[in-house]
Amino acid sequence: MRFVRVVLKQHPRLVLFVDNAPWHRGKKIRLFCRKRSKTLRLVYFPSYSPELNPVEQHWKVAKKAISNRVLHSTQATQYHVRNILQDKKAMPRMFQYLMD
């Protein structure tokens, strides 16, 4: 909600596409959105449809970087994830704009 408040200051009317995670549907979120119904709208991806959510495609690549490895620390995990996210060839085309 903190992030959305900041974005709403810059963009007074906002539509957010979110997955069906419980933290996107909680009571606090519903109340937050209801108070801002003229300026904020949440659109939920259909359940069990990761192919529609671009973030899932992004994480699919990142998960490959750490799967089938023994990582002994959070720092090692971060290292491998950062490396794959910075590799332009490994990222799906839809995320190339993040690398520029």
C-alpha atoms as a PDB file:
ATOM      1  CA  MET A   1       0.000   0.000   0.000  1.00  0.00           C
ATOM      2  CA  ARG A   2       2.946   2.290   0.667  1.00  0.00           C
ATOM      3  CA  PHE A   3       4.140   1.780  -2.918  1.00  0.00           C
ATOM      4  CA  VAL A   4       0.678   2.501  -4.328  1.00  0.00           C
ATOM      5  CA  ARG A   5       0.427   5.723  -2.306  1.00  0.00           C
ATOM      6  CA  VAL A   6       3.685   6.952  -3.828  1.00  0.00           C
ATOM      7  CA  VAL A   7       2.614   6.026  -7.353  1.00  0.00           C
ATOM      8  CA  LEU A   8      -0.776   7.689  -6.880  1.00  0.00           C
ATOM      9  CA  LYS A   9       0.977  10.957  -6.040  1.00  0.00           C
ATOM     10  CA  GLN A  10       2.686  10.851  -9.441  1.00  0.00           C
ATOM     11  CA  HIS A  11      -0.243   9.341 -11.367  1.00  0.00           C
ATOM     12  CA  PRO A  12      -3.582  10.425  -9.943  1.00  0.00           C
ATOM     13  CA  ARG A  13      -5.522   7.690 -11.753  1.00  0.00           C
ATOM     14  CA  LEU A  14      -4.098   4.185 -11.624  1.00  0.00           C
ATOM     15  CA  VAL A  15      -5.012   0.661 -12.721  1.00  0.00           C
ATOM     16  CA  LEU A  16      -2.902  -2.146 -11.239  1.00  0.00           C
ATOM     17  CA  PHE A  17      -2.873  -5.709 -12.509  1.00  0.00           C
ATOM     18  CA  VAL A  18      -2.181  -8.152  -9.684  1.00  0.00           C
ATOM     19  CA  ASP A  19      -2.273 -11.874  -9.091  1.00  0.00           C
ATOM     20  CA  ASN A  20      -4.671 -13.588  -6.716  1.00  0.00           C
ATOM     21  CA  ALA A  21      -2.249 -13.855  -3.822  1.00  0.00           C
ATOM     22  CA  PRO A  22      -4.007 -13.549  -0.445  1.00  0.00           C
ATOM     23  CA  TRP A  23      -2.093 -10.375   0.409  1.00  0.00           C
ATOM     24  CA  HIS A  24      -3.607  -8.686  -2.689  1.00  0.00           C
ATOM     25  CA  ARG A  25      -7.145  -9.467  -1.536  1.00  0.00           C
ATOM     26  CA  GLY A  26      -7.028  -8.810   2.194  1.00  0.00           C
ATOM     27  CA  LYS A  27      -9.367  -6.648   4.214  1.00  0.00           C
ATOM     28  CA  LYS A  28      -6.835  -3.796   4.427  1.00  0.00           C
ATOM     29  CA  ILE A  29      -6.381  -3.801   0.658  1.00  0.00           C
ATOM     30  CA  ARG A  30     -10.125  -3.778   0.007  1.00  0.00           C
ATOM     31  CA  LEU A  31     -10.599  -0.852   2.415  1.00  0.00           C
ATOM     32  CA  PHE A  32      -7.622   0.995   0.901  1.00  0.00           C
ATOM     33  CA  CYS A  33      -9.051   0.571  -2.622  1.00  0.00           C
ATOM     34  CA  ARG A  34     -12.606   1.421  -1.573  1.00  0.00           C
ATOM     35  CA  LYS A  35     -11.409   4.788  -0.190  1.00  0.00           C
ATOM     36  CA  ARG A  36      -9.726   5.485  -3.532  1.00  0.00           C
ATOM     37  CA  SER A  37     -12.358   3.997  -5.842  1.00  0.00           C
ATOM     38  CA  LYS A  38     -12.320   7.021  -8.177  1.00  0.00           C
ATOM     39  CA  THR A  39      -8.531   6.977  -8.598  1.00  0.00           C
ATOM     40  CA  LEU A  40      -7.413   3.368  -8.091  1.00  0.00           C
ATOM     41  CA  ARG A  41      -8.573   0.120  -9.618  1.00  0.00           C
ATOM     42  CA  LEU A  42      -7.158  -3.362  -9.078  1.00  0.00           C
ATOM     43  CA  VAL A  43      -7.608  -5.906 -11.847  1.00  0.00           C
ATOM     44  CA  TYR A  44      -6.901  -9.493 -10.870  1.00  0.00           C
ATOM     45  CA  PHE A  45      -5.357 -12.033 -13.196  1.00  0.00           C
ATOM     46  CA  PRO A  46      -7.463 -15.189 -13.432  1.00  0.00           C
ATOM     47  CA  SER A  47      -6.541 -17.893 -10.927  1.00  0.00           C
ATOM     48  CA  TYR A  48      -3.866 -20.331 -12.046  1.00  0.00           C
ATOM     49  CA  SER A  49      -2.812 -18.287 -15.063  1.00  0.00           C
ATOM     50  CA  PRO A  50       0.890 -17.497 -14.638  1.00  0.00           C
ATOM     51  CA  GLU A  51       1.263 -17.164 -18.409  1.00  0.00           C
ATOM     52  CA  LEU A  52      -0.763 -13.928 -18.245  1.00  0.00           C
ATOM     53  CA  ASN A  53       1.351 -12.392 -15.501  1.00  0.00           C
ATOM     54  CA  PRO A  54       4.615 -10.989 -16.893  1.00  0.00           C
ATOM     55  CA  VAL A  55       6.261 -11.127 -13.472  1.00  0.00           C
ATOM     56  CA  GLU A  56       5.863 -14.908 -13.442  1.00  0.00           C
ATOM     57  CA  GLN A  57       7.810 -15.144 -16.705  1.00  0.00           C
ATOM     58  CA  HIS A  58      10.513 -13.019 -15.117  1.00  0.00           C
ATOM     59  CA  TRP A  59      10.730 -15.251 -12.047  1.00  0.00           C
ATOM     60  CA  LYS A  60      10.760 -18.399 -14.167  1.00  0.00           C
ATOM     61  CA  VAL A  61      14.179 -17.323 -15.471  1.00  0.00           C
ATOM     62  CA  ALA A  62      15.395 -16.286 -12.010  1.00  0.00           C
ATOM     63  CA  LYS A  63      14.329 -19.583 -10.437  1.00  0.00           C
ATOM     64  CA  LYS A  64      16.416 -21.485 -12.980  1.00  0.00           C
ATOM     65  CA  ALA A  65      19.480 -19.625 -11.745  1.00  0.00           C
ATOM     66  CA  ILE A  66      19.111 -21.046  -8.251  1.00  0.00           C
ATOM     67  CA  SER A  67      17.505 -24.428  -8.849  1.00  0.00           C
ATOM     68  CA  ASN A  68      19.554 -27.615  -8.486  1.00  0.00           C
ATOM     69  CA  ARG A  69      22.250 -25.771  -6.553  1.00  0.00           C
ATOM     70  CA  VAL A  70      23.343 -25.882  -2.983  1.00  0.00           C
ATOM     71  CA  LEU A  71      23.424 -22.278  -1.843  1.00  0.00           C
ATOM     72  CA  HIS A  72      24.872 -21.827   1.593  1.00  0.00           C
ATOM     73  CA  SER A  73      23.835 -18.252   2.226  1.00  0.00           C
ATOM     74  CA  THR A  74      21.415 -15.526   1.310  1.00  0.00           C
ATOM     75  CA  GLN A  75      24.320 -13.655  -0.275  1.00  0.00           C
ATOM     76  CA  ALA A  76      25.063 -16.602  -2.592  1.00  0.00           C
ATOM     77  CA  THR A  77      21.418 -16.744  -3.633  1.00  0.00           C
ATOM     78  CA  GLN A  78      21.350 -13.004  -4.301  1.00  0.00           C
ATOM     79  CA  TYR A  79      24.547 -13.265  -6.325  1.00  0.00           C
ATOM     80  CA  HIS A  80      23.145 -15.924  -8.664  1.00  0.00           C
ATOM     81  CA  VAL A  81      19.769 -14.226  -9.067  1.00  0.00           C
ATOM     82  CA  ARG A  82      21.388 -10.843  -9.814  1.00  0.00           C
ATOM     83  CA  ASN A  83      23.670 -12.399 -12.407  1.00  0.00           C
ATOM     84  CA  ILE A  84      20.823 -13.999 -14.304  1.00  0.00           C
ATOM     85  CA  LEU A  85      18.659 -10.874 -14.112  1.00  0.00           C
ATOM     86  CA  GLN A  86      21.498  -8.811 -15.587  1.00  0.00           C
ATOM     87  CA  ASP A  87      22.075 -11.261 -18.459  1.00  0.00           C
ATOM     88  CA  LYS A  88      20.242  -9.781 -21.451  1.00  0.00           C
ATOM     89  CA  LYS A  89      20.277 -13.074 -23.342  1.00  0.00           C
ATOM     90  CA  ALA A  90      18.679 -14.991 -20.461  1.00  0.00           C
ATOM     91  CA  MET A  91      15.811 -12.624 -19.833  1.00  0.00           C
ATOM     92  CA  PRO A  92      12.560 -12.864 -21.816  1.00  0.00           C
ATOM     93  CA  ARG A  93      12.264 -10.171 -24.478  1.00  0.00           C
ATOM     94  CA  MET A  94       9.485  -8.426 -22.591  1.00  0.00           C
ATOM     95  CA  PHE A  95      12.014  -7.486 -19.888  1.00  0.00           C
ATOM     96  CA  GLN A  96      14.757  -6.116 -22.125  1.00  0.00           C
ATOM     97  CA  TYR A  97      13.668  -2.581 -21.272  1.00  0.00           C
ATOM     98  CA  LEU A  98      14.749  -3.226 -17.684  1.00  0.00           C
ATOM     99  CA  MET A  99      18.321  -3.773 -18.801  1.00  0.00           C
ATOM    100  CA  ASP A 100      18.757  -0.480 -20.677  1.00  0.00           C
END
